[in-house]
């Protein structure tokens, strides 16, 4: 199997659990507090590694107490960390996450060292980055750096998978050089100006994005499943029914799982199903990296679900292969 390089954020997640969100000026008693390694980049690298892909992380942390903890978490998951540098003048990135008992969450991110993943830093790292078979990106490092990586990778024939979260505009020239775009319905609506309200509109938006030059588009629809659109496939994967504990890192688990599956040689239908199953398992557990399942767990879950449903839960639209 080839190498995935994830270039992105590393955060320490400060997770508070509460029965409900406080109103302005209201003080509530929380029920739990946890420090959990996170950051979209780091989460996706852990998800890819636990799905069986050789994975390397590139990014920055501070020299505070959080930095070594994040590196240890990556190493324990099998992610290479030689591309992660520590800076003394800034703090490690943090995300303060409030989780309701319903499983819904609200997140405040402070970029810290993630904001220092500069063009010069990437250029210095490029001799190692160019050994990648796939580069996985998000929007929690400077956008100028993200766009630079897309352009440089495209010029050297390296596939780029982009999860544009949090959502910001993407230059059309850069978007056309992205091989795979993975985003949720809110991000898809913001990127195209076309509202995603249901499966039909999601199909239209996915086709619009491929018309802009993206090879493959995946739109996740939360409890309504996910769709995949490219020139060979148009697929709908229903969500697996599970009891939701915490939705943190569900999208990252989906993205990393899909990337690893594709790199292992799976076709898009199988990779999509794996990603949906991995993210379903993730929401049954608290936290970011602590919730991400292993490949064995996901395969056992898929086997059980396929047996329960008497066959594949995937639907192929007319015209899909």
Protein backbone atom coordinates (compact mmCIF):
# COMPACT_ATOMS: atom_id res chain seq x y z
CA UNK A 1 0.00 0.00 0.00
CA UNK A 2 1.16 3.54 -0.75
CA UNK A 3 1.76 6.38 1.68
CA UNK A 4 -0.78 8.96 2.87
CA UNK A 5 0.61 12.27 4.08
CA UNK A 6 -1.82 14.32 6.13
CA UNK A 7 -0.92 18.00 6.28
CA UNK A 8 -3.02 19.86 8.80
CA UNK A 9 -3.95 20.68 12.35
CA UNK A 10 -3.11 19.12 15.69
CA UNK A 11 -5.25 20.27 18.62
CA UNK A 12 -5.79 19.33 22.21
CA UNK A 13 -9.55 18.98 22.68
CA UNK A 14 -10.98 20.26 25.97
CA UNK A 15 -14.26 18.37 26.10
CA UNK A 16 -17.09 19.30 28.47
CA UNK A 17 -20.26 17.22 28.65
CA UNK A 18 -23.52 18.90 29.72
CA UNK A 19 -27.23 18.06 29.59
CA UNK A 20 -27.90 21.12 27.41
CA UNK A 21 -26.20 24.23 26.09
CA UNK A 22 -26.24 27.23 28.46
CA UNK A 23 -28.05 30.37 27.42
CA UNK A 24 -26.21 33.69 27.36
CA UNK A 25 -25.26 34.58 30.94
CA UNK A 26 -26.33 31.18 32.28
CA UNK A 27 -24.09 28.91 34.35
CA UNK A 28 -24.68 25.16 34.16
CA UNK A 29 -23.17 22.21 35.97
CA UNK A 30 -21.33 19.97 33.53
CA UNK A 31 -21.13 16.23 34.04
CA UNK A 32 -17.71 15.36 32.55
CA UNK A 33 -14.42 16.96 31.48
CA UNK A 34 -11.77 15.32 29.30
CA UNK A 35 -8.52 16.28 27.57
CA UNK A 36 -8.52 14.34 24.29
CA UNK A 37 -6.05 14.57 21.37
CA UNK A 38 -7.73 16.06 18.30
CA UNK A 39 -7.39 18.47 15.39
CA UNK A 40 -8.87 17.64 11.99
CA UNK A 41 -5.51 16.81 10.46
CA UNK A 42 -4.40 14.61 13.33
CA UNK A 43 -7.81 12.93 13.56
CA UNK A 44 -7.77 12.06 9.87
CA UNK A 45 -4.24 10.69 10.12
CA UNK A 46 -5.28 8.44 13.01
CA UNK A 47 -8.36 7.29 11.08
CA UNK A 48 -6.25 6.44 8.03
CA UNK A 49 -3.63 4.61 10.09
CA UNK A 50 -6.23 2.62 12.02
CA UNK A 51 -7.80 1.69 8.68
CA UNK A 52 -4.47 0.12 7.74
CA UNK A 53 -2.76 2.79 5.60
CA UNK A 54 0.87 3.83 6.10
CA UNK A 55 0.34 7.41 7.25
CA UNK A 56 2.56 10.38 8.03
CA UNK A 57 1.55 13.66 9.69
CA UNK A 58 2.94 17.10 8.80
CA UNK A 59 2.13 20.06 11.02
CA UNK A 60 3.17 22.10 14.05
CA UNK A 61 2.62 22.07 17.81
CA UNK A 62 3.83 24.24 20.68
CA UNK A 63 6.45 23.32 23.27
CA UNK A 64 3.79 23.45 26.00
CA UNK A 65 2.46 20.39 27.82
CA UNK A 66 -0.06 19.57 25.09
CA UNK A 67 2.42 19.10 22.22
CA UNK A 68 4.10 15.88 23.44
CA UNK A 69 0.72 14.36 24.32
CA UNK A 70 -0.51 14.89 20.76
CA UNK A 71 2.64 13.36 19.29
CA UNK A 72 2.38 10.36 21.60
CA UNK A 73 -1.23 9.81 20.52
CA UNK A 74 -0.23 9.79 16.85
CA UNK A 75 2.68 7.45 17.47
CA UNK A 76 0.44 5.05 19.40
CA UNK A 77 -1.92 4.94 16.40
CA UNK A 78 0.94 4.15 14.03
CA UNK A 79 1.22 7.60 12.44
CA UNK A 80 4.69 8.86 11.53
CA UNK A 81 5.48 12.18 13.22
CA UNK A 82 8.84 13.18 11.72
CA UNK A 83 7.01 15.95 9.86
CA UNK A 84 5.63 17.58 13.01
CA UNK A 85 7.72 20.46 14.36
CA UNK A 86 7.48 22.14 17.78
CA UNK A 87 7.52 25.94 18.14
CA UNK A 88 8.38 27.71 21.37
CA UNK A 89 6.77 31.06 20.60
CA UNK A 90 3.16 29.85 20.21
CA UNK A 91 0.83 27.48 22.01
CA UNK A 92 -0.38 24.17 20.70
CA UNK A 93 -3.75 24.46 18.97
CA UNK A 94 -6.82 23.84 21.11
CA UNK A 95 -10.48 23.08 20.56
CA UNK A 96 -13.00 23.66 23.34
CA UNK A 97 -15.88 21.27 22.73
CA UNK A 98 -19.21 21.30 24.55
CA UNK A 99 -21.15 18.06 24.05
CA UNK A 100 -24.84 17.82 24.89
CA UNK A 101 -26.33 14.58 26.15
CA UNK A 102 -28.06 14.31 22.76
CA UNK A 103 -24.62 13.91 21.16
CA UNK A 104 -24.64 17.28 19.39
CA UNK A 105 -21.58 19.46 19.92
CA UNK A 106 -20.33 23.03 19.58
CA UNK A 107 -16.64 23.75 19.07
CA UNK A 108 -14.37 26.79 19.49
CA UNK A 109 -10.93 26.39 17.89
CA UNK A 110 -7.79 28.42 18.70
CA UNK A 111 -5.27 27.78 15.92
CA UNK A 112 -2.05 28.35 17.87
CA UNK A 113 0.86 26.58 16.17
CA UNK A 114 -1.43 25.40 13.36
CA UNK A 115 -1.42 28.96 12.09
CA UNK A 116 2.34 28.69 11.56
CA UNK A 117 2.19 25.93 8.94
CA UNK A 118 3.67 28.31 6.41
CA UNK A 119 4.72 28.02 2.76
CA UNK A 120 8.38 28.00 3.83
CA UNK A 121 7.71 25.20 6.29
CA UNK A 122 5.99 23.13 3.60
CA UNK A 123 8.75 23.80 1.09
CA UNK A 124 11.33 22.62 3.62
CA UNK A 125 9.25 19.46 4.17
CA UNK A 126 8.62 18.84 0.47
CA UNK A 127 11.39 16.27 -0.18
CA UNK A 128 9.55 13.94 2.22
CA UNK A 129 6.05 15.04 1.18
CA UNK A 130 6.72 14.24 -2.49
CA UNK A 131 7.14 10.57 -1.55
CA UNK A 132 3.39 10.44 -0.87
CA UNK A 133 0.84 8.62 -3.00
CA UNK A 134 -1.95 10.76 -1.55
CA UNK A 135 -1.99 14.07 0.32
CA UNK A 136 -4.90 14.73 2.67
CA UNK A 137 -5.74 18.36 3.50
CA UNK A 138 -8.23 20.39 5.56
CA UNK A 139 -8.83 24.09 6.28
CA UNK A 140 -7.40 24.34 9.81
CA UNK A 141 -4.02 25.62 8.59
CA UNK A 142 -3.51 28.84 6.58
CA UNK A 143 -5.50 28.77 3.33
CA UNK A 144 -2.56 30.12 1.35
CA UNK A 145 -0.61 27.05 2.44
CA UNK A 146 -3.45 24.69 1.49
CA UNK A 147 -3.71 26.21 -1.99
CA UNK A 148 0.07 26.11 -2.43
CA UNK A 149 0.13 22.41 -1.57
CA UNK A 150 -2.68 21.68 -4.03
CA UNK A 151 -0.84 23.47 -6.83
CA UNK A 152 2.51 21.87 -6.10
CA UNK A 153 1.10 18.38 -5.67
CA UNK A 154 -0.84 18.64 -8.91
CA UNK A 155 2.30 19.73 -10.76
CA UNK A 156 4.10 16.63 -9.47
CA UNK A 157 1.26 14.20 -10.12
CA UNK A 158 0.36 13.55 -6.46
CA UNK A 159 -3.34 13.04 -5.73
CA UNK A 160 -4.92 15.48 -3.27
CA UNK A 161 -7.96 14.76 -1.14
CA UNK A 162 -9.44 17.90 0.44
CA UNK A 163 -11.87 18.18 3.34
CA UNK A 164 -12.63 21.94 3.22
CA UNK A 165 -13.60 22.37 6.86
CA UNK A 166 -14.07 24.92 8.20
CA UNK A 167 -15.43 26.17 4.91
CA UNK A 168 -13.78 29.03 3.04
CA UNK A 169 -13.86 29.87 -0.66
CA UNK A 170 -11.48 27.93 -2.88
CA UNK A 171 -10.02 29.46 -6.07
CA UNK A 172 -11.51 27.68 -9.07
CA UNK A 173 -8.05 26.91 -10.44
CA UNK A 174 -7.09 25.15 -7.21
CA UNK A 175 -10.41 23.34 -6.93
CA UNK A 176 -9.95 21.84 -10.40
CA UNK A 177 -6.68 20.30 -9.20
CA UNK A 178 -8.27 18.46 -6.28
CA UNK A 179 -8.76 14.76 -6.98
CA UNK A 180 -11.33 14.10 -4.24
CA UNK A 181 -13.45 16.57 -2.31
CA UNK A 182 -15.13 15.36 0.90
CA UNK A 183 -17.51 17.80 2.57
CA UNK A 184 -20.80 17.98 4.44
CA UNK A 185 -24.04 19.52 3.22
CA UNK A 186 -23.39 22.90 4.86
CA UNK A 187 -19.93 23.15 3.29
CA UNK A 188 -21.23 22.00 -0.10
CA UNK A 189 -23.94 24.65 -0.02
CA UNK A 190 -21.48 27.38 0.93
CA UNK A 191 -18.98 26.38 -1.74
CA UNK A 192 -21.48 26.32 -4.63
CA UNK A 193 -24.19 28.74 -3.51
CA UNK A 194 -26.71 25.94 -4.08
CA UNK A 195 -28.67 24.83 -1.03
CA UNK A 196 -28.47 21.16 -0.07
CA UNK A 197 -31.81 20.27 1.50
CA UNK A 198 -32.27 16.63 0.54
CA UNK A 199 -30.80 13.80 -1.49
CA UNK A 200 -31.94 15.26 -4.81
CA UNK A 201 -30.29 18.63 -4.20
CA UNK A 202 -27.15 16.91 -2.88
CA UNK A 203 -26.86 15.07 -6.20
CA UNK A 204 -27.15 18.36 -8.09
CA UNK A 205 -24.48 20.04 -5.95
CA UNK A 206 -22.12 17.07 -6.27
CA UNK A 207 -22.48 17.15 -10.05
CA UNK A 208 -21.85 20.91 -10.02
CA UNK A 209 -18.58 20.38 -8.16
CA UNK A 210 -17.40 17.70 -10.57
CA UNK A 211 -18.25 20.06 -13.43
CA UNK A 212 -15.78 22.49 -11.85
CA UNK A 213 -13.03 19.91 -12.32
CA UNK A 214 -13.02 17.79 -9.15
CA UNK A 215 -12.64 14.11 -10.05
CA UNK A 216 -14.71 12.67 -7.17
CA UNK A 217 -17.09 14.43 -4.77
CA UNK A 218 -18.44 12.93 -1.54
CA UNK A 219 -21.11 14.81 0.39
CA UNK A 220 -21.89 13.56 3.89
CA UNK A 221 -25.45 14.11 5.07
CA UNK A 222 -25.21 13.17 8.74
CA UNK A 223 -27.91 10.71 9.76
CA UNK A 224 -29.19 10.75 6.16
CA UNK A 225 -26.06 9.02 4.81
CA UNK A 226 -23.61 10.11 2.11
CA UNK A 227 -23.39 10.33 -1.66
CA UNK A 228 -20.48 9.87 -4.05
CA UNK A 229 -20.33 11.31 -7.55
CA UNK A 230 -17.73 10.97 -10.31
CA UNK A 231 -17.68 10.06 -13.99
CA UNK A 232 -18.02 6.33 -13.21
CA UNK A 233 -20.20 6.18 -10.10
CA UNK A 234 -23.18 7.89 -8.53
CA UNK A 235 -23.80 6.21 -5.19
CA UNK A 236 -25.89 6.71 -2.10
CA UNK A 237 -24.78 5.15 1.18
CA UNK A 238 -27.47 5.22 3.88
CA UNK A 239 -26.26 5.94 7.41
CA UNK A 240 -25.86 2.94 9.68
CA UNK A 241 -28.27 3.13 12.61
CA UNK A 242 -26.40 3.47 15.92
CA UNK A 243 -26.88 5.14 19.29
CA UNK A 244 -25.17 8.54 19.12
CA UNK A 245 -22.92 9.50 22.04
CA UNK A 246 -20.72 12.22 20.48
CA UNK A 247 -20.43 13.36 16.87
CA UNK A 248 -16.93 14.85 17.32
CA UNK A 249 -14.51 13.51 14.64
CA UNK A 250 -17.22 11.58 12.78
CA UNK A 251 -16.40 13.47 9.58
CA UNK A 252 -12.65 13.04 10.13
CA UNK A 253 -13.12 9.31 10.65
CA UNK A 254 -15.12 9.15 7.42
CA UNK A 255 -12.44 11.06 5.50
CA UNK A 256 -9.44 9.12 6.82
CA UNK A 257 -11.23 5.81 6.37
CA UNK A 258 -12.18 6.60 2.79
CA UNK A 259 -8.64 7.74 1.95
CA UNK A 260 -7.10 4.56 3.37
CA UNK A 261 -9.62 2.37 1.58
CA UNK A 262 -8.98 3.98 -1.80
CA UNK A 263 -5.22 3.73 -1.33
CA UNK A 264 -5.55 0.04 -0.46
CA UNK A 265 -7.09 -0.58 -3.88
CA UNK A 266 -10.76 -0.66 -2.95
CA UNK A 267 -13.21 0.72 -5.50
CA UNK A 268 -15.32 3.75 -4.53
CA UNK A 269 -18.44 1.75 -3.54
CA UNK A 270 -16.48 -0.36 -1.05
CA UNK A 271 -14.48 2.62 0.20
CA UNK A 272 -17.67 4.64 0.72
CA UNK A 273 -19.27 1.86 2.73
CA UNK A 274 -16.16 1.47 4.88
CA UNK A 275 -16.07 5.22 5.58
CA UNK A 276 -19.74 5.28 6.55
CA UNK A 277 -19.31 2.30 8.86
CA UNK A 278 -16.20 3.77 10.51
CA UNK A 279 -17.93 7.10 11.17
CA UNK A 280 -20.99 5.29 12.55
CA UNK A 281 -18.82 3.50 15.08
CA UNK A 282 -17.05 6.77 15.96
CA UNK A 283 -20.26 8.50 17.05
CA UNK A 284 -20.97 5.75 19.58
CA UNK A 285 -17.90 6.86 21.59
CA UNK A 286 -16.80 10.06 23.32
CA UNK A 287 -14.02 12.23 21.94
CA UNK A 288 -12.00 12.66 18.80
CA UNK A 289 -9.10 10.23 18.40
CA UNK A 290 -10.42 8.13 21.28
CA UNK A 291 -13.53 7.37 19.20
CA UNK A 292 -11.85 6.27 15.96
CA UNK A 293 -12.22 2.52 15.34
CA UNK A 294 -9.67 0.04 13.99
CA UNK A 295 -10.07 -1.73 10.65
CA UNK A 296 -10.96 -4.98 12.41
CA UNK A 297 -13.74 -3.25 14.33
CA UNK A 298 -15.14 -1.66 11.18
CA UNK A 299 -15.04 -4.87 9.16
CA UNK A 300 -16.80 -6.79 11.93
CA UNK A 301 -19.45 -4.05 12.14
CA UNK A 302 -20.00 -4.08 8.36
CA UNK A 303 -20.32 -7.85 8.30
CA UNK A 304 -22.93 -7.73 11.05
CA UNK A 305 -24.86 -4.94 9.36
CA UNK A 306 -24.81 -6.62 5.95
CA UNK A 307 -26.15 -9.82 7.49
CA UNK A 308 -28.84 -7.89 9.36
CA UNK A 309 -29.94 -6.12 6.17
CA UNK A 310 -29.67 -9.26 4.01
CA UNK A 311 -27.21 -7.68 1.62
CA UNK A 312 -25.41 -4.43 0.86
CA UNK A 313 -27.07 -1.28 2.28
CA UNK A 314 -25.75 0.80 -0.64
CA UNK A 315 -27.99 2.19 -3.38
CA UNK A 316 -26.64 2.89 -6.87
CA UNK A 317 -28.49 5.61 -8.74
CA UNK A 318 -29.47 5.04 -12.35
CA UNK A 319 -26.40 5.51 -14.50
CA UNK A 320 -23.97 4.51 -11.74
CA UNK A 321 -21.63 1.57 -12.28
